[in-house]
Amino acid sequence: MPTLFVLFGFRFLFYGNDHEPIHIHVIKDNRKAKFTISPVQLVENHGLKPLELKMVKKIIVDNQEIIAEYWNKFFNSVK
Protein backbone atom coordinates (compact mmCIF):
# COMPACT_ATOMS: atom_id res chain seq x y z
CA MET A 1 0.00 0.00 0.00
CA PRO A 2 2.18 2.84 -1.30
CA THR A 3 1.80 6.09 0.62
CA LEU A 4 2.31 9.10 -1.63
CA PHE A 5 2.42 11.71 1.13
CA VAL A 6 1.10 12.69 4.54
CA LEU A 7 -0.30 16.19 5.10
CA PHE A 8 -2.09 17.52 8.18
CA GLY A 9 -2.33 13.98 9.51
CA PHE A 10 -4.03 12.69 6.35
CA ARG A 11 -2.31 9.79 4.63
CA PHE A 12 -2.76 9.75 0.83
CA LEU A 13 -2.27 6.29 -0.63
CA PHE A 14 -3.39 3.61 -3.01
CA TYR A 15 -3.42 -0.16 -2.68
CA GLY A 16 -1.18 -2.45 -4.68
CA ASN A 17 -4.20 -4.21 -6.17
CA ASP A 18 -6.14 -1.03 -7.04
CA HIS A 19 -7.93 -0.64 -10.35
CA GLU A 20 -8.81 2.06 -12.86
CA PRO A 21 -9.92 4.81 -12.84
CA ILE A 22 -7.02 6.45 -11.08
CA HIS A 23 -8.06 7.24 -7.54
CA ILE A 24 -6.59 7.96 -4.13
CA HIS A 25 -7.48 6.76 -0.66
CA VAL A 26 -7.18 9.16 2.27
CA ILE A 27 -6.92 7.91 5.84
CA LYS A 28 -6.77 9.74 9.15
CA ASP A 29 -7.15 7.78 12.37
CA ASN A 30 -9.96 5.29 11.68
CA ARG A 31 -11.69 7.54 9.15
CA LYS A 32 -11.21 7.30 5.40
CA ALA A 33 -12.38 8.48 2.02
CA LYS A 34 -11.75 7.69 -1.62
CA PHE A 35 -11.53 10.21 -4.49
CA THR A 36 -11.10 9.87 -8.24
CA ILE A 37 -8.55 12.32 -9.55
CA SER A 38 -9.88 13.18 -12.99
CA PRO A 39 -12.23 14.74 -12.25
CA VAL A 40 -11.52 15.06 -8.54
CA GLN A 41 -14.66 13.61 -7.06
CA LEU A 42 -15.58 11.97 -3.78
CA VAL A 43 -16.41 8.28 -4.33
CA GLU A 44 -16.94 7.19 -0.74
CA ASN A 45 -16.56 8.59 2.74
CA HIS A 46 -16.31 6.77 6.03
CA GLY A 47 -16.21 9.38 8.76
CA LEU A 48 -14.35 12.41 7.42
CA LYS A 49 -16.08 15.68 8.26
CA PRO A 50 -17.23 18.11 5.54
CA LEU A 51 -14.39 20.57 6.24
CA GLU A 52 -11.85 17.74 6.13
CA LEU A 53 -13.27 16.54 2.81
CA LYS A 54 -13.01 20.05 1.41
CA MET A 55 -9.36 20.36 2.49
CA VAL A 56 -8.48 16.89 1.19
CA LYS A 57 -10.16 17.62 -2.14
CA LYS A 58 -8.11 20.82 -2.50
CA ILE A 59 -4.90 18.90 -1.77
CA ILE A 60 -5.82 16.33 -4.42
CA VAL A 61 -6.66 19.03 -6.99
CA ASP A 62 -3.30 20.69 -6.31
CA ASN A 63 -1.47 17.36 -6.71
CA GLN A 64 -3.41 15.64 -9.51
CA GLU A 65 -0.40 15.34 -11.79
CA ILE A 66 1.84 13.94 -9.07
CA ILE A 67 -0.79 11.37 -8.06
CA ALA A 68 -1.36 10.26 -11.68
CA GLU A 69 2.39 10.06 -12.31
CA TYR A 70 2.97 7.98 -9.17
CA TRP A 71 0.00 5.70 -10.03
CA ASN A 72 1.21 5.11 -13.60
CA LYS A 73 4.80 4.54 -12.51
CA PHE A 74 3.75 2.03 -9.83
CA PHE A 75 1.21 0.07 -11.86
CA ASN A 76 3.29 0.01 -15.04
CA SER A 77 6.23 -1.44 -13.10
CA VAL A 78 4.01 -4.14 -11.54
CA LYS A 79 2.88 -5.58 -14.89
C-alpha atoms as a PDB file:
ATOM      1  CA  MET A   1       0.000   0.000   0.000  1.00  0.00           C
ATOM      2  CA  PRO A   2       2.176   2.835  -1.300  1.00  0.00           C
ATOM      3  CA  THR A   3       1.798   6.089   0.620  1.00  0.00           C
ATOM      4  CA  LEU A   4       2.311   9.096  -1.629  1.00  0.00           C
ATOM      5  CA  PHE A   5       2.423  11.705   1.126  1.00  0.00           C
ATOM      6  CA  VAL A   6       1.104  12.685   4.538  1.00  0.00           C
ATOM      7  CA  LEU A   7      -0.305  16.185   5.097  1.00  0.00           C
ATOM      8  CA  PHE A   8      -2.087  17.516   8.176  1.00  0.00           C
ATOM      9  CA  GLY A   9      -2.334  13.980   9.514  1.00  0.00           C
ATOM     10  CA  PHE A  10      -4.035  12.688   6.353  1.00  0.00           C
ATOM     11  CA  ARG A  11      -2.313   9.795   4.628  1.00  0.00           C
ATOM     12  CA  PHE A  12      -2.759   9.750   0.834  1.00  0.00           C
ATOM     13  CA  LEU A  13      -2.271   6.287  -0.629  1.00  0.00           C
ATOM     14  CA  PHE A  14      -3.391   3.613  -3.008  1.00  0.00           C
ATOM     15  CA  TYR A  15      -3.423  -0.156  -2.677  1.00  0.00           C
ATOM     16  CA  GLY A  16      -1.177  -2.454  -4.675  1.00  0.00           C
ATOM     17  CA  ASN A  17      -4.198  -4.211  -6.173  1.00  0.00           C
ATOM     18  CA  ASP A  18      -6.145  -1.025  -7.035  1.00  0.00           C
ATOM     19  CA  HIS A  19      -7.928  -0.635 -10.351  1.00  0.00           C
ATOM     20  CA  GLU A  20      -8.810   2.059 -12.863  1.00  0.00           C
ATOM     21  CA  PRO A  21      -9.924   4.808 -12.843  1.00  0.00           C
ATOM     22  CA  ILE A  22      -7.017   6.451 -11.083  1.00  0.00           C
ATOM     23  CA  HIS A  23      -8.063   7.239  -7.542  1.00  0.00           C
ATOM     24  CA  ILE A  24      -6.586   7.961  -4.130  1.00  0.00           C
ATOM     25  CA  HIS A  25      -7.481   6.763  -0.658  1.00  0.00           C
ATOM     26  CA  VAL A  26      -7.180   9.165   2.273  1.00  0.00           C
ATOM     27  CA  ILE A  27      -6.924   7.909   5.838  1.00  0.00           C
ATOM     28  CA  LYS A  28      -6.767   9.741   9.154  1.00  0.00           C
ATOM     29  CA  ASP A  29      -7.149   7.780  12.368  1.00  0.00           C
ATOM     30  CA  ASN A  30      -9.961   5.289  11.679  1.00  0.00           C
ATOM     31  CA  ARG A  31     -11.689   7.540   9.148  1.00  0.00           C
ATOM     32  CA  LYS A  32     -11.209   7.295   5.405  1.00  0.00           C
ATOM     33  CA  ALA A  33     -12.379   8.484   2.020  1.00  0.00           C
ATOM     34  CA  LYS A  34     -11.752   7.693  -1.625  1.00  0.00           C
ATOM     35  CA  PHE A  35     -11.533  10.206  -4.490  1.00  0.00           C
ATOM     36  CA  THR A  36     -11.101   9.865  -8.237  1.00  0.00           C
ATOM     37  CA  ILE A  37      -8.551  12.324  -9.552  1.00  0.00           C
ATOM     38  CA  SER A  38      -9.876  13.180 -12.989  1.00  0.00           C
ATOM     39  CA  PRO A  39     -12.228  14.738 -12.250  1.00  0.00           C
ATOM     40  CA  VAL A  40     -11.520  15.064  -8.540  1.00  0.00           C
ATOM     41  CA  GLN A  41     -14.660  13.605  -7.060  1.00  0.00           C
ATOM     42  CA  LEU A  42     -15.579  11.966  -3.780  1.00  0.00           C
ATOM     43  CA  VAL A  43     -16.412   8.279  -4.330  1.00  0.00           C
ATOM     44  CA  GLU A  44     -16.938   7.186  -0.741  1.00  0.00           C
ATOM     45  CA  ASN A  45     -16.558   8.593   2.736  1.00  0.00           C
ATOM     46  CA  HIS A  46     -16.314   6.770   6.025  1.00  0.00           C
ATOM     47  CA  GLY A  47     -16.214   9.381   8.760  1.00  0.00           C
ATOM     48  CA  LEU A  48     -14.352  12.410   7.425  1.00  0.00           C
ATOM     49  CA  LYS A  49     -16.081  15.682   8.262  1.00  0.00           C
ATOM     50  CA  PRO A  50     -17.226  18.106   5.539  1.00  0.00           C
ATOM     51  CA  LEU A  51     -14.392  20.570   6.241  1.00  0.00           C
ATOM     52  CA  GLU A  52     -11.852  17.738   6.133  1.00  0.00           C
ATOM     53  CA  LEU A  53     -13.265  16.539   2.814  1.00  0.00           C
ATOM     54  CA  LYS A  54     -13.012  20.055   1.414  1.00  0.00           C
ATOM     55  CA  MET A  55      -9.364  20.359   2.492  1.00  0.00           C
ATOM     56  CA  VAL A  56      -8.481  16.886   1.189  1.00  0.00           C
ATOM     57  CA  LYS A  57     -10.162  17.618  -2.145  1.00  0.00           C
ATOM     58  CA  LYS A  58      -8.114  20.822  -2.497  1.00  0.00           C
ATOM     59  CA  ILE A  59      -4.903  18.898  -1.774  1.00  0.00           C
ATOM     60  CA  ILE A  60      -5.820  16.326  -4.416  1.00  0.00           C
ATOM     61  CA  VAL A  61      -6.658  19.032  -6.985  1.00  0.00           C
ATOM     62  CA  ASP A  62      -3.304  20.690  -6.307  1.00  0.00           C
ATOM     63  CA  ASN A  63      -1.472  17.364  -6.707  1.00  0.00           C
ATOM     64  CA  GLN A  64      -3.409  15.641  -9.512  1.00  0.00           C
ATOM     65  CA  GLU A  65      -0.401  15.344 -11.793  1.00  0.00           C
ATOM     66  CA  ILE A  66       1.835  13.936  -9.065  1.00  0.00           C
ATOM     67  CA  ILE A  67      -0.793  11.371  -8.064  1.00  0.00           C
ATOM     68  CA  ALA A  68      -1.357  10.261 -11.677  1.00  0.00           C
ATOM     69  CA  GLU A  69       2.393  10.063 -12.306  1.00  0.00           C
ATOM     70  CA  TYR A  70       2.965   7.983  -9.175  1.00  0.00           C
ATOM     71  CA  TRP A  71       0.001   5.701 -10.031  1.00  0.00           C
ATOM     72  CA  ASN A  72       1.213   5.113 -13.599  1.00  0.00           C
ATOM     73  CA  LYS A  73       4.800   4.542 -12.508  1.00  0.00           C
ATOM     74  CA  PHE A  74       3.752   2.035  -9.831  1.00  0.00           C
ATOM     75  CA  PHE A  75       1.210   0.070 -11.856  1.00  0.00           C
ATOM     76  CA  ASN A  76       3.292   0.013 -15.042  1.00  0.00           C
ATOM     77  CA  SER A  77       6.227  -1.442 -13.101  1.00  0.00           C
ATOM     78  CA  VAL A  78       4.010  -4.141 -11.544  1.00  0.00           C
ATOM     79  CA  LYS A  79       2.880  -5.581 -14.893  1.00  0.00           C
END
